Amino acid sequence: LRLEINNDTRQLVLWCMGEAHVDVLLDRLRNRYGVEVD
């Protein structure tokens, strides 16, 4: 996982391996750490 804060677009970007990787990361944010993201 690579975390990027893009100064040009002012976006917080997660660089992942694929959609399943994304699903797991967002699931862990939500259910393990109690953080909801869009």
Full PDB file with SEQRES, HELIX, SHEET, SSBOND, CRYST1, ORIGX, SCALE, CONECT and MASTER records, all heavy atoms in Angstrom:
SEQRES   1 A   38  LEU ARG LEU GLU ILE ASN ASN ASP THR ARG GLN LEU VAL          
SEQRES   2 A   38  LEU TRP CYS MET GLY GLU ALA HIS VAL ASP VAL LEU LEU          
SEQRES   3 A   38  ASP ARG LEU ARG ASN ARG TYR GLY VAL GLU VAL ASP              
HELIX    1 AA1 GLU A   19  ASN A   31  1                                  13    
SHEET    1 AA1 2 ARG A   2  ASN A   6  0                                        
SHEET    2 AA1 2 GLN A  11  TRP A  15 -1                                        
CRYST1    1.000    1.000    1.000  90.00  90.00  90.00 P 1           1          
ORIGX1      1.000000  0.000000  0.000000        0.00000                         
ORIGX2      0.000000  1.000000  0.000000        0.00000                         
ORIGX3      0.000000  0.000000  1.000000        0.00000                         
SCALE1      1.000000  0.000000  0.000000        0.00000                         
SCALE2      0.000000  1.000000  0.000000        0.00000                         
SCALE3      0.000000  0.000000  1.000000        0.00000                         
ATOM      1  N   LEU A   1       0.848  -1.193   0.000  1.00  0.00           N  
ATOM      2  CA  LEU A   1       0.000   0.000   0.000  1.00  0.00           C  
ATOM      3  C   LEU A   1       0.885   1.245   0.000  1.00  0.00           C  
ATOM      4  O   LEU A   1       1.841   1.334   0.766  1.00  0.00           O  
ATOM      5  CB  LEU A   1      -0.900  -0.005   1.237  1.00  0.00           C  
ATOM      6  CG  LEU A   1      -1.683   1.278   1.530  1.00  0.00           C  
ATOM      7  CD1 LEU A   1      -2.696   1.567   0.429  1.00  0.00           C  
ATOM      8  CD2 LEU A   1      -2.386   1.173   2.886  1.00  0.00           C  
ATOM      9  N   ARG A   2       0.556   2.188  -0.870  1.00  0.00           N  
ATOM     10  CA  ARG A   2       1.282   3.467  -0.883  1.00  0.00           C  
ATOM     11  C   ARG A   2       0.296   4.595  -0.653  1.00  0.00           C  
ATOM     12  O   ARG A   2      -0.745   4.666  -1.310  1.00  0.00           O  
ATOM     13  CB  ARG A   2       2.017   3.665  -2.210  1.00  0.00           C  
ATOM     14  CG  ARG A   2       2.754   5.004  -2.291  1.00  0.00           C  
ATOM     15  CD  ARG A   2       3.852   4.974  -3.337  1.00  0.00           C  
ATOM     16  NE  ARG A   2       3.352   4.764  -4.680  1.00  0.00           N  
ATOM     17  CZ  ARG A   2       2.959   5.738  -5.508  1.00  0.00           C  
ATOM     18  NH1 ARG A   2       3.000   6.997  -5.113  1.00  0.00           N  
ATOM     19  NH2 ARG A   2       2.534   5.463  -6.720  1.00  0.00           N  
ATOM     20  N   LEU A   3       0.626   5.462   0.289  1.00  0.00           N  
ATOM     21  CA  LEU A   3      -0.219   6.595   0.628  1.00  0.00           C  
ATOM     22  C   LEU A   3       0.368   7.857   0.007  1.00  0.00           C  
ATOM     23  O   LEU A   3       1.543   8.155   0.189  1.00  0.00           O  
ATOM     24  CB  LEU A   3      -0.304   6.729   2.148  1.00  0.00           C  
ATOM     25  CG  LEU A   3      -1.146   7.869   2.714  1.00  0.00           C  
ATOM     26  CD1 LEU A   3      -2.607   7.707   2.318  1.00  0.00           C  
ATOM     27  CD2 LEU A   3      -1.016   7.917   4.230  1.00  0.00           C  
ATOM     28  N   GLU A   4      -0.457   8.601  -0.712  1.00  0.00           N  
ATOM     29  CA  GLU A   4       0.006   9.814  -1.381  1.00  0.00           C  
ATOM     30  C   GLU A   4      -0.935  10.968  -1.076  1.00  0.00           C  
ATOM     31  O   GLU A   4      -2.165  10.822  -1.146  1.00  0.00           O  
ATOM     32  CB  GLU A   4       0.049   9.594  -2.897  1.00  0.00           C  
ATOM     33  CG  GLU A   4       0.416  10.853  -3.687  1.00  0.00           C  
ATOM     34  CD  GLU A   4       0.202  10.690  -5.190  1.00  0.00           C  
ATOM     35  OE1 GLU A   4      -0.491   9.742  -5.606  1.00  0.00           O  
ATOM     36  OE2 GLU A   4       0.708  11.533  -5.944  1.00  0.00           O  
ATOM     37  N   ILE A   5      -0.366  12.091  -0.731  1.00  0.00           N  
ATOM     38  CA  ILE A   5      -1.137  13.330  -0.619  1.00  0.00           C  
ATOM     39  C   ILE A   5      -0.716  14.191  -1.799  1.00  0.00           C  
ATOM     40  O   ILE A   5       0.375  14.763  -1.814  1.00  0.00           O  
ATOM     41  CB  ILE A   5      -0.872  14.034   0.724  1.00  0.00           C  
ATOM     42  CG1 ILE A   5      -1.244  13.115   1.884  1.00  0.00           C  
ATOM     43  CG2 ILE A   5      -1.660  15.334   0.797  1.00  0.00           C  
ATOM     44  CD1 ILE A   5      -0.900  13.666   3.247  1.00  0.00           C  
ATOM     45  N   ASN A   6      -1.569  14.259  -2.806  1.00  0.00           N  
ATOM     46  CA  ASN A   6      -1.220  14.930  -4.053  1.00  0.00           C  
ATOM     47  C   ASN A   6      -1.402  16.435  -3.900  1.00  0.00           C  
ATOM     48  O   ASN A   6      -2.525  16.919  -3.726  1.00  0.00           O  
ATOM     49  CB  ASN A   6      -2.094  14.396  -5.196  1.00  0.00           C  
ATOM     50  CG  ASN A   6      -1.586  14.825  -6.553  1.00  0.00           C  
ATOM     51  OD1 ASN A   6      -1.415  16.017  -6.826  1.00  0.00           O  
ATOM     52  ND2 ASN A   6      -1.362  13.847  -7.424  1.00  0.00           N  
ATOM     53  N   ASN A   7      -0.302  17.167  -3.967  1.00  0.00           N  
ATOM     54  CA  ASN A   7      -0.356  18.617  -3.780  1.00  0.00           C  
ATOM     55  C   ASN A   7      -1.057  19.322  -4.931  1.00  0.00           C  
ATOM     56  O   ASN A   7      -1.643  20.389  -4.749  1.00  0.00           O  
ATOM     57  CB  ASN A   7       1.059  19.176  -3.618  1.00  0.00           C  
ATOM     58  CG  ASN A   7       1.731  18.695  -2.349  1.00  0.00           C  
ATOM     59  OD1 ASN A   7       1.065  18.520  -1.335  1.00  0.00           O  
ATOM     60  ND2 ASN A   7       3.028  18.458  -2.402  1.00  0.00           N  
ATOM     61  N   ASP A   8      -0.992  18.736  -6.130  1.00  0.00           N  
ATOM     62  CA  ASP A   8      -1.618  19.367  -7.289  1.00  0.00           C  
ATOM     63  C   ASP A   8      -3.137  19.263  -7.238  1.00  0.00           C  
ATOM     64  O   ASP A   8      -3.856  20.238  -7.465  1.00  0.00           O  
ATOM     65  CB  ASP A   8      -1.107  18.736  -8.585  1.00  0.00           C  
ATOM     66  CG  ASP A   8       0.362  19.054  -8.820  1.00  0.00           C  
ATOM     67  OD1 ASP A   8       0.848  20.043  -8.239  1.00  0.00           O  
ATOM     68  OD2 ASP A   8       1.013  18.322  -9.568  1.00  0.00           O  
ATOM     69  N   THR A   9      -3.619  18.058  -6.972  1.00  0.00           N  
ATOM     70  CA  THR A   9      -5.081  17.837  -6.987  1.00  0.00           C  
ATOM     71  C   THR A   9      -5.690  17.960  -5.598  1.00  0.00           C  
ATOM     72  O   THR A   9      -6.923  17.908  -5.474  1.00  0.00           O  
ATOM     73  CB  THR A   9      -5.387  16.442  -7.548  1.00  0.00           C  
ATOM     74  OG1 THR A   9      -4.811  15.437  -6.689  1.00  0.00           O  
ATOM     75  CG2 THR A   9      -4.803  16.275  -8.948  1.00  0.00           C  
ATOM     76  N   ARG A  10      -4.827  18.072  -4.573  1.00  0.00           N  
ATOM     77  CA  ARG A  10      -5.286  18.167  -3.183  1.00  0.00           C  
ATOM     78  C   ARG A  10      -6.153  16.959  -2.812  1.00  0.00           C  
ATOM     79  O   ARG A  10      -7.166  17.090  -2.119  1.00  0.00           O  
ATOM     80  CB  ARG A  10      -6.024  19.484  -2.938  1.00  0.00           C  
ATOM     81  CG  ARG A  10      -5.119  20.693  -3.045  1.00  0.00           C  
ATOM     82  CD  ARG A  10      -5.866  21.987  -2.881  1.00  0.00           C  
ATOM     83  NE  ARG A  10      -6.685  22.282  -4.053  1.00  0.00           N  
ATOM     84  CZ  ARG A  10      -6.238  22.812  -5.170  1.00  0.00           C  
ATOM     85  NH1 ARG A  10      -4.970  23.122  -5.296  1.00  0.00           N  
ATOM     86  NH2 ARG A  10      -7.052  23.055  -6.193  1.00  0.00           N  
ATOM     87  N   GLN A  11      -5.738  15.796  -3.292  1.00  0.00           N  
ATOM     88  CA  GLN A  11      -6.444  14.564  -2.981  1.00  0.00           C  
ATOM     89  C   GLN A  11      -5.584  13.645  -2.126  1.00  0.00           C  
ATOM     90  O   GLN A  11      -4.350  13.638  -2.228  1.00  0.00           O  
ATOM     91  CB  GLN A  11      -6.828  13.813  -4.272  1.00  0.00           C  
ATOM     92  CG  GLN A  11      -8.008  14.405  -5.018  1.00  0.00           C  
ATOM     93  CD  GLN A  11      -8.458  13.491  -6.153  1.00  0.00           C  
ATOM     94  OE1 GLN A  11      -7.659  12.899  -6.868  1.00  0.00           O  
ATOM     95  NE2 GLN A  11      -9.770  13.383  -6.329  1.00  0.00           N  
ATOM     96  N   LEU A  12      -6.257  12.864  -1.287  1.00  0.00           N  
ATOM     97  CA  LEU A  12      -5.623  11.798  -0.526  1.00  0.00           C  
ATOM     98  C   LEU A  12      -5.816  10.512  -1.321  1.00  0.00           C  
ATOM     99  O   LEU A  12      -6.945  10.081  -1.557  1.00  0.00           O  
ATOM    100  CB  LEU A  12      -6.271  11.678   0.856  1.00  0.00           C  
ATOM    101  CG  LEU A  12      -5.736  10.603   1.793  1.00  0.00           C  
ATOM    102  CD1 LEU A  12      -4.271  10.838   2.120  1.00  0.00           C  
ATOM    103  CD2 LEU A  12      -6.564  10.558   3.071  1.00  0.00           C  
ATOM    104  N   VAL A  13      -4.706   9.906  -1.757  1.00  0.00           N  
ATOM    105  CA  VAL A  13      -4.787   8.779  -2.690  1.00  0.00           C  
ATOM    106  C   VAL A  13      -4.149   7.543  -2.065  1.00  0.00           C  
ATOM    107  O   VAL A  13      -3.028   7.591  -1.551  1.00  0.00           O  
ATOM    108  CB  VAL A  13      -4.073   9.107  -4.024  1.00  0.00           C  
ATOM    109  CG1 VAL A  13      -4.199   7.934  -4.995  1.00  0.00           C  
ATOM    110  CG2 VAL A  13      -4.659  10.375  -4.636  1.00  0.00           C  
ATOM    111  N   LEU A  14      -4.896   6.428  -2.115  1.00  0.00           N  
ATOM    112  CA  LEU A  14      -4.351   5.122  -1.750  1.00  0.00           C  
ATOM    113  C   LEU A  14      -3.991   4.395  -3.035  1.00  0.00           C  
ATOM    114  O   LEU A  14      -4.857   4.171  -3.889  1.00  0.00           O  
ATOM    115  CB  LEU A  14      -5.384   4.298  -0.967  1.00  0.00           C  
ATOM    116  CG  LEU A  14      -5.912   4.881   0.341  1.00  0.00           C  
ATOM    117  CD1 LEU A  14      -6.939   3.937   0.950  1.00  0.00           C  
ATOM    118  CD2 LEU A  14      -4.783   5.132   1.316  1.00  0.00           C  
ATOM    119  N   TRP A  15      -2.714   4.048  -3.187  1.00  0.00           N  
ATOM    120  CA  TRP A  15      -2.289   3.250  -4.331  1.00  0.00           C  
ATOM    121  C   TRP A  15      -2.333   1.791  -3.915  1.00  0.00           C  
ATOM    122  O   TRP A  15      -1.623   1.366  -3.012  1.00  0.00           O  
ATOM    123  CB  TRP A  15      -0.888   3.655  -4.774  1.00  0.00           C  
ATOM    124  CG  TRP A  15      -0.874   4.981  -5.473  1.00  0.00           C  
ATOM    125  CD1 TRP A  15      -0.778   6.213  -4.907  1.00  0.00           C  
ATOM    126  CD2 TRP A  15      -0.990   5.200  -6.882  1.00  0.00           C  
ATOM    127  NE1 TRP A  15      -0.819   7.185  -5.864  1.00  0.00           N  
ATOM    128  CE2 TRP A  15      -0.944   6.601  -7.094  1.00  0.00           C  
ATOM    129  CE3 TRP A  15      -1.113   4.361  -7.990  1.00  0.00           C  
ATOM    130  CZ2 TRP A  15      -1.024   7.161  -8.371  1.00  0.00           C  
ATOM    131  CZ3 TRP A  15      -1.196   4.911  -9.258  1.00  0.00           C  
ATOM    132  CH2 TRP A  15      -1.152   6.297  -9.437  1.00  0.00           C  
ATOM    133  N   CYS A  16      -3.188   1.004  -4.597  1.00  0.00           N  
ATOM    134  CA  CYS A  16      -3.487  -0.366  -4.185  1.00  0.00           C  
ATOM    135  C   CYS A  16      -3.148  -1.348  -5.304  1.00  0.00           C  
ATOM    136  O   CYS A  16      -2.796  -0.959  -6.416  1.00  0.00           O  
ATOM    137  CB  CYS A  16      -4.961  -0.485  -3.806  1.00  0.00           C  
ATOM    138  SG  CYS A  16      -5.519   0.770  -2.623  1.00  0.00           S  
ATOM    139  N   MET A  17      -3.286  -2.651  -4.997  1.00  0.00           N  
ATOM    140  CA  MET A  17      -2.971  -3.696  -5.966  1.00  0.00           C  
ATOM    141  C   MET A  17      -4.152  -4.054  -6.855  1.00  0.00           C  
ATOM    142  O   MET A  17      -3.970  -4.643  -7.917  1.00  0.00           O  
ATOM    143  CB  MET A  17      -2.501  -4.961  -5.230  1.00  0.00           C  
ATOM    144  CG  MET A  17      -1.251  -4.770  -4.398  1.00  0.00           C  
ATOM    145  SD  MET A  17       0.174  -4.157  -5.316  1.00  0.00           S  
ATOM    146  CE  MET A  17       0.373  -5.443  -6.529  1.00  0.00           C  
ATOM    147  N   GLY A  18      -5.356  -3.732  -6.437  1.00  0.00           N  
ATOM    148  CA  GLY A  18      -6.540  -4.075  -7.217  1.00  0.00           C  
ATOM    149  C   GLY A  18      -7.796  -3.787  -6.423  1.00  0.00           C  
ATOM    150  O   GLY A  18      -7.746  -3.310  -5.282  1.00  0.00           O  
ATOM    151  N   GLU A  19      -8.952  -4.096  -7.020  1.00  0.00           N  
ATOM    152  CA  GLU A  19     -10.224  -3.765  -6.374  1.00  0.00           C  
ATOM    153  C   GLU A  19     -10.438  -4.537  -5.081  1.00  0.00           C  
ATOM    154  O   GLU A  19     -10.985  -4.007  -4.113  1.00  0.00           O  
ATOM    155  CB  GLU A  19     -11.367  -4.028  -7.352  1.00  0.00           C  
ATOM    156  CG  GLU A  19     -11.445  -3.003  -8.479  1.00  0.00           C  
ATOM    157  CD  GLU A  19     -12.634  -3.226  -9.385  1.00  0.00           C  
ATOM    158  OE1 GLU A  19     -12.801  -4.381  -9.842  1.00  0.00           O  
ATOM    159  OE2 GLU A  19     -13.390  -2.268  -9.629  1.00  0.00           O  
ATOM    160  N   ALA A  20     -10.033  -5.815  -5.063  1.00  0.00           N  
ATOM    161  CA  ALA A  20     -10.197  -6.598  -3.837  1.00  0.00           C  
ATOM    162  C   ALA A  20      -9.343  -6.022  -2.711  1.00  0.00           C  
ATOM    163  O   ALA A  20      -9.761  -6.006  -1.545  1.00  0.00           O  
ATOM    164  CB  ALA A  20      -9.835  -8.061  -4.096  1.00  0.00           C  
ATOM    165  N   HIS A  21      -8.150  -5.551  -3.049  1.00  0.00           N  
ATOM    166  CA  HIS A  21      -7.282  -4.899  -2.072  1.00  0.00           C  
ATOM    167  C   HIS A  21      -7.956  -3.647  -1.517  1.00  0.00           C  
ATOM    168  O   HIS A  21      -7.939  -3.392  -0.303  1.00  0.00           O  
ATOM    169  CB  HIS A  21      -5.955  -4.550  -2.750  1.00  0.00           C  
ATOM    170  CG  HIS A  21      -4.871  -4.154  -1.808  1.00  0.00           C  
ATOM    171  ND1 HIS A  21      -3.777  -3.420  -2.192  1.00  0.00           N  
ATOM    172  CD2 HIS A  21      -4.686  -4.382  -0.483  1.00  0.00           C  
ATOM    173  CE1 HIS A  21      -2.975  -3.229  -1.165  1.00  0.00           C  
ATOM    174  NE2 HIS A  21      -3.505  -3.802  -0.117  1.00  0.00           N  
ATOM    175  N   VAL A  22      -8.558  -2.868  -2.406  1.00  0.00           N  
ATOM    176  CA  VAL A  22      -9.290  -1.663  -1.987  1.00  0.00           C  
ATOM    177  C   VAL A  22     -10.405  -2.028  -1.023  1.00  0.00           C  
ATOM    178  O   VAL A  22     -10.583  -1.400   0.036  1.00  0.00           O  
ATOM    179  CB  VAL A  22      -9.854  -0.916  -3.209  1.00  0.00           C  
ATOM    180  CG1 VAL A  22     -10.717   0.259  -2.761  1.00  0.00           C  
ATOM    181  CG2 VAL A  22      -8.731  -0.433  -4.113  1.00  0.00           C  
ATOM    182  N   ASP A  23     -11.197  -3.050  -1.375  1.00  0.00           N  
ATOM    183  CA  ASP A  23     -12.325  -3.462  -0.536  1.00  0.00           C  
ATOM    184  C   ASP A  23     -11.867  -3.825   0.872  1.00  0.00           C  
ATOM    185  O   ASP A  23     -12.502  -3.449   1.866  1.00  0.00           O  
ATOM    186  CB  ASP A  23     -13.052  -4.652  -1.174  1.00  0.00           C  
ATOM    187  CG  ASP A  23     -13.787  -4.274  -2.446  1.00  0.00           C  
ATOM    188  OD1 ASP A  23     -14.017  -3.065  -2.663  1.00  0.00           O  
ATOM    189  OD2 ASP A  23     -14.128  -5.186  -3.225  1.00  0.00           O  
ATOM    190  N   VAL A  24     -10.755  -4.556   0.962  1.00  0.00           N  
ATOM    191  CA  VAL A  24     -10.250  -4.978   2.272  1.00  0.00           C  
ATOM    192  C   VAL A  24      -9.769  -3.777   3.077  1.00  0.00           C  
ATOM    193  O   VAL A  24     -10.057  -3.658   4.275  1.00  0.00           O  
ATOM    194  CB  VAL A  24      -9.121  -6.015   2.101  1.00  0.00           C  
ATOM    195  CG1 VAL A  24      -8.379  -6.240   3.416  1.00  0.00           C  
ATOM    196  CG2 VAL A  24      -9.686  -7.328   1.594  1.00  0.00           C  
ATOM    197  N   LEU A  25      -9.054  -2.862   2.436  1.00  0.00           N  
ATOM    198  CA  LEU A  25      -8.552  -1.685   3.144  1.00  0.00           C  
ATOM    199  C   LEU A  25      -9.694  -0.828   3.680  1.00  0.00           C  
ATOM    200  O   LEU A  25      -9.668  -0.380   4.838  1.00  0.00           O  
ATOM    201  CB  LEU A  25      -7.671  -0.860   2.216  1.00  0.00           C  
ATOM    202  CG  LEU A  25      -6.335  -1.502   1.802  1.00  0.00           C  
ATOM    203  CD1 LEU A  25      -5.656  -0.666   0.726  1.00  0.00           C  
ATOM    204  CD2 LEU A  25      -5.412  -1.657   3.004  1.00  0.00           C  
ATOM    205  N   LEU A  26     -10.709  -0.581   2.847  1.00  0.00           N  
ATOM    206  CA  LEU A  26     -11.837   0.235   3.296  1.00  0.00           C  
ATOM    207  C   LEU A  26     -12.632  -0.481   4.382  1.00  0.00           C  
ATOM    208  O   LEU A  26     -13.150   0.149   5.311  1.00  0.00           O  
ATOM    209  CB  LEU A  26     -12.740   0.581   2.101  1.00  0.00           C  
ATOM    210  CG  LEU A  26     -12.075   1.409   0.985  1.00  0.00           C  
ATOM    211  CD1 LEU A  26     -13.099   1.807  -0.065  1.00  0.00           C  
ATOM    212  CD2 LEU A  26     -11.385   2.648   1.547  1.00  0.00           C  
ATOM    213  N   ASP A  27     -12.727  -1.806   4.262  1.00  0.00           N  
ATOM    214  CA  ASP A  27     -13.417  -2.596   5.288  1.00  0.00           C  
ATOM    215  C   ASP A  27     -12.686  -2.476   6.620  1.00  0.00           C  
ATOM    216  O   ASP A  27     -13.308  -2.309   7.680  1.00  0.00           O  
ATOM    217  CB  ASP A  27     -13.488  -4.056   4.834  1.00  0.00           C  
ATOM    218  CG  ASP A  27     -14.313  -4.925   5.772  1.00  0.00           C  
ATOM    219  OD1 ASP A  27     -13.883  -5.136   6.919  1.00  0.00           O  
ATOM    220  OD2 ASP A  27     -15.397  -5.404   5.357  1.00  0.00           O  
ATOM    221  N   ARG A  28     -11.352  -2.544   6.590  1.00  0.00           N  
ATOM    222  CA  ARG A  28     -10.587  -2.441   7.838  1.00  0.00           C  
ATOM    223  C   ARG A  28     -10.677  -1.042   8.433  1.00  0.00           C  
ATOM    224  O   ARG A  28     -10.754  -0.888   9.652  1.00  0.00           O  
ATOM    225  CB  ARG A  28      -9.130  -2.822   7.581  1.00  0.00           C  
ATOM    226  CG  ARG A  28      -8.950  -4.330   7.423  1.00  0.00           C  
ATOM    227  CD  ARG A  28      -7.536  -4.736   7.144  1.00  0.00           C  
ATOM    228  NE  ARG A  28      -7.443  -6.197   7.069  1.00  0.00           N  
ATOM    229  CZ  ARG A  28      -6.502  -6.861   6.433  1.00  0.00           C  
ATOM    230  NH1 ARG A  28      -5.543  -6.187   5.812  1.00  0.00           N  
ATOM    231  NH2 ARG A  28      -6.494  -8.178   6.414  1.00  0.00           N  
ATOM    232  N   LEU A  29     -10.656  -0.020   7.584  1.00  0.00           N  
ATOM    233  CA  LEU A  29     -10.836   1.334   8.097  1.00  0.00           C  
ATOM    234  C   LEU A  29     -12.173   1.447   8.832  1.00  0.00           C  
ATOM    235  O   LEU A  29     -12.263   2.034   9.915  1.00  0.00           O  
ATOM    236  CB  LEU A  29     -10.780   2.343   6.951  1.00  0.00           C  
ATOM    237  CG  LEU A  29      -9.402   2.724   6.409  1.00  0.00           C  
ATOM    238  CD1 LEU A  29      -9.548   3.622   5.190  1.00  0.00           C  
ATOM    239  CD2 LEU A  29      -8.565   3.432   7.473  1.00  0.00           C  
ATOM    240  N   ARG A  30     -13.189   0.875   8.225  1.00  0.00           N  
ATOM    241  CA  ARG A  30     -14.543   1.021   8.776  1.00  0.00           C  
ATOM    242  C   ARG A  30     -14.759   0.157  10.012  1.00  0.00           C  
ATOM    243  O   ARG A  30     -15.261   0.631  11.042  1.00  0.00           O  
ATOM    244  CB  ARG A  30     -15.553   0.655   7.684  1.00  0.00           C  
ATOM    245  CG  ARG A  30     -17.010   0.761   8.116  1.00  0.00           C  
ATOM    246  CD  ARG A  30     -17.956   0.583   6.928  1.00  0.00           C  
ATOM    247  NE  ARG A  30     -17.697  -0.660   6.205  1.00  0.00           N  
ATOM    248  CZ  ARG A  30     -17.132  -0.732   5.013  1.00  0.00           C  
ATOM    249  NH1 ARG A  30     -16.717   0.358   4.395  1.00  0.00           N  
ATOM    250  NH2 ARG A  30     -16.938  -1.897   4.411  1.00  0.00           N  
ATOM    251  N   ASN A  31     -14.387  -1.124   9.952  1.00  0.00           N  
ATOM    252  CA  ASN A  31     -14.756  -2.060  11.008  1.00  0.00           C  
ATOM    253  C   ASN A  31     -13.680  -2.238  12.077  1.00  0.00           C  
ATOM    254  O   ASN A  31     -14.001  -2.544  13.212  1.00  0.00           O  
ATOM    255  CB  ASN A  31     -15.092  -3.426  10.390  1.00  0.00           C  
ATOM    256  CG  ASN A  31     -16.346  -3.381   9.532  1.00  0.00           C  
ATOM    257  OD1 ASN A  31     -17.430  -3.144  10.017  1.00  0.00           O  
ATOM    258  ND2 ASN A  31     -16.180  -3.599   8.233  1.00  0.00           N  
ATOM    259  N   ARG A  32     -12.396  -2.059  11.705  1.00  0.00           N  
ATOM    260  CA  ARG A  32     -11.341  -2.229  12.699  1.00  0.00           C  
ATOM    261  C   ARG A  32     -11.019  -0.916  13.393  1.00  0.00           C  
ATOM    262  O   ARG A  32     -10.757  -0.894  14.595  1.00  0.00           O  
ATOM    263  CB  ARG A  32     -10.079  -2.800  12.046  1.00  0.00           C  
ATOM    264  CG  ARG A  32      -8.962  -3.072  13.047  1.00  0.00           C  
ATOM    265  CD  ARG A  32      -7.693  -3.548  12.356  1.00  0.00           C  
ATOM    266  NE  ARG A  32      -7.838  -4.860  11.764  1.00  0.00           N  
ATOM    267  CZ  ARG A  32      -6.874  -5.471  11.077  1.00  0.00           C  
ATOM    268  NH1 ARG A  32      -5.706  -4.854  10.887  1.00  0.00           N  
ATOM    269  NH2 ARG A  32      -7.062  -6.666  10.570  1.00  0.00           N  
ATOM    270  N   TYR A  33     -11.026   0.176  12.632  1.00  0.00           N  
ATOM    271  CA  TYR A  33     -10.613   1.468  13.187  1.00  0.00           C  
ATOM    272  C   TYR A  33     -11.759   2.466  13.318  1.00  0.00           C  
ATOM    273  O   TYR A  33     -11.544   3.583  13.789  1.00  0.00           O  
ATOM    274  CB  TYR A  33      -9.496   2.071  12.324  1.00  0.00           C  
ATOM    275  CG  TYR A  33      -8.287   1.174  12.234  1.00  0.00           C  
ATOM    276  CD1 TYR A  33      -7.911   0.605  11.021  1.00  0.00           C  
ATOM    277  CD2 TYR A  33      -7.531   0.874  13.361  1.00  0.00           C  
ATOM    278  CE1 TYR A  33      -6.804  -0.229  10.928  1.00  0.00           C  
ATOM    279  CE2 TYR A  33      -6.424   0.036  13.285  1.00  0.00           C  
ATOM    280  CZ  TYR A  33      -6.065  -0.511  12.069  1.00  0.00           C  
ATOM    281  OH  TYR A  33      -4.977  -1.341  11.996  1.00  0.00           O  
ATOM    282  N   GLY A  34     -12.956   2.084  12.893  1.00  0.00           N  
ATOM    283  CA  GLY A  34     -14.116   2.953  13.067  1.00  0.00           C  
ATOM    284  C   GLY A  34     -14.062   4.234  12.265  1.00  0.00           C  
ATOM    285  O   GLY A  34     -14.547   5.275  12.725  1.00  0.00           O  
ATOM    286  N   VAL A  35     -13.483   4.176  11.055  1.00  0.00           N  
ATOM    287  CA  VAL A  35     -13.348   5.364  10.212  1.00  0.00           C  
ATOM    288  C   VAL A  35     -14.116   5.140   8.910  1.00  0.00           C  
ATOM    289  O   VAL A  35     -13.831   4.192   8.171  1.00  0.00           O  
ATOM    290  CB  VAL A  35     -11.867   5.667   9.891  1.00  0.00           C  
ATOM    291  CG1 VAL A  35     -11.754   6.908   9.018  1.00  0.00           C  
ATOM    292  CG2 VAL A  35     -11.072   5.848  11.175  1.00  0.00           C  
ATOM    293  N   GLU A  36     -15.071   6.001   8.637  1.00  0.00           N  
ATOM    294  CA  GLU A  36     -15.819   5.940   7.381  1.00  0.00           C  
ATOM    295  C   GLU A  36     -15.177   6.887   6.378  1.00  0.00           C  
ATOM    296  O   GLU A  36     -14.910   8.049   6.690  1.00  0.00           O  
ATOM    297  CB  GLU A  36     -17.280   6.338   7.595  1.00  0.00           C  
ATOM    298  CG  GLU A  36     -18.123   5.298   8.310  1.00  0.00           C  
ATOM    299  CD  GLU A  36     -18.545   4.163   7.395  1.00  0.00           C  
ATOM    300  OE1 GLU A  36     -18.295   4.271   6.175  1.00  0.00           O  
ATOM    301  OE2 GLU A  36     -19.117   3.177   7.891  1.00  0.00           O  
ATOM    302  N   VAL A  37     -14.926   6.388   5.187  1.00  0.00           N  
ATOM    303  CA  VAL A  37     -14.386   7.226   4.116  1.00  0.00           C  
ATOM    304  C   VAL A  37     -15.244   7.064   2.876  1.00  0.00           C  
ATOM    305  O   VAL A  37     -15.933   6.058   2.703  1.00  0.00           O  
ATOM    306  CB  VAL A  37     -12.918   6.873   3.789  1.00  0.00           C  
ATOM    307  CG1 VAL A  37     -12.017   7.125   4.984  1.00  0.00           C  
ATOM    308  CG2 VAL A  37     -12.790   5.447   3.299  1.00  0.00           C  
ATOM    309  N   ASP A  38     -15.187   8.063   2.022  1.00  0.00           N  
ATOM    310  CA  ASP A  38     -15.896   8.020   0.744  1.00  0.00           C  
ATOM    311  C   ASP A  38     -14.868   8.016  -0.375  1.00  0.00           C  
ATOM    312  O   ASP A  38     -13.897   8.790  -0.344  1.00  0.00           O  
ATOM    313  CB  ASP A  38     -16.817   9.231   0.592  1.00  0.00           C  
ATOM    314  CG  ASP A  38     -17.884   9.283   1.674  1.00  0.00           C  
ATOM    315  OD1 ASP A  38     -18.421   8.216   2.020  1.00  0.00           O  
ATOM    316  OD2 ASP A  38     -18.166  10.389   2.180  1.00  0.00           O  
TER     317      ASP A  38                                                      
MASTER        0    0    0    1    2    0    0    6  316    1    0    3          
END                                                                             
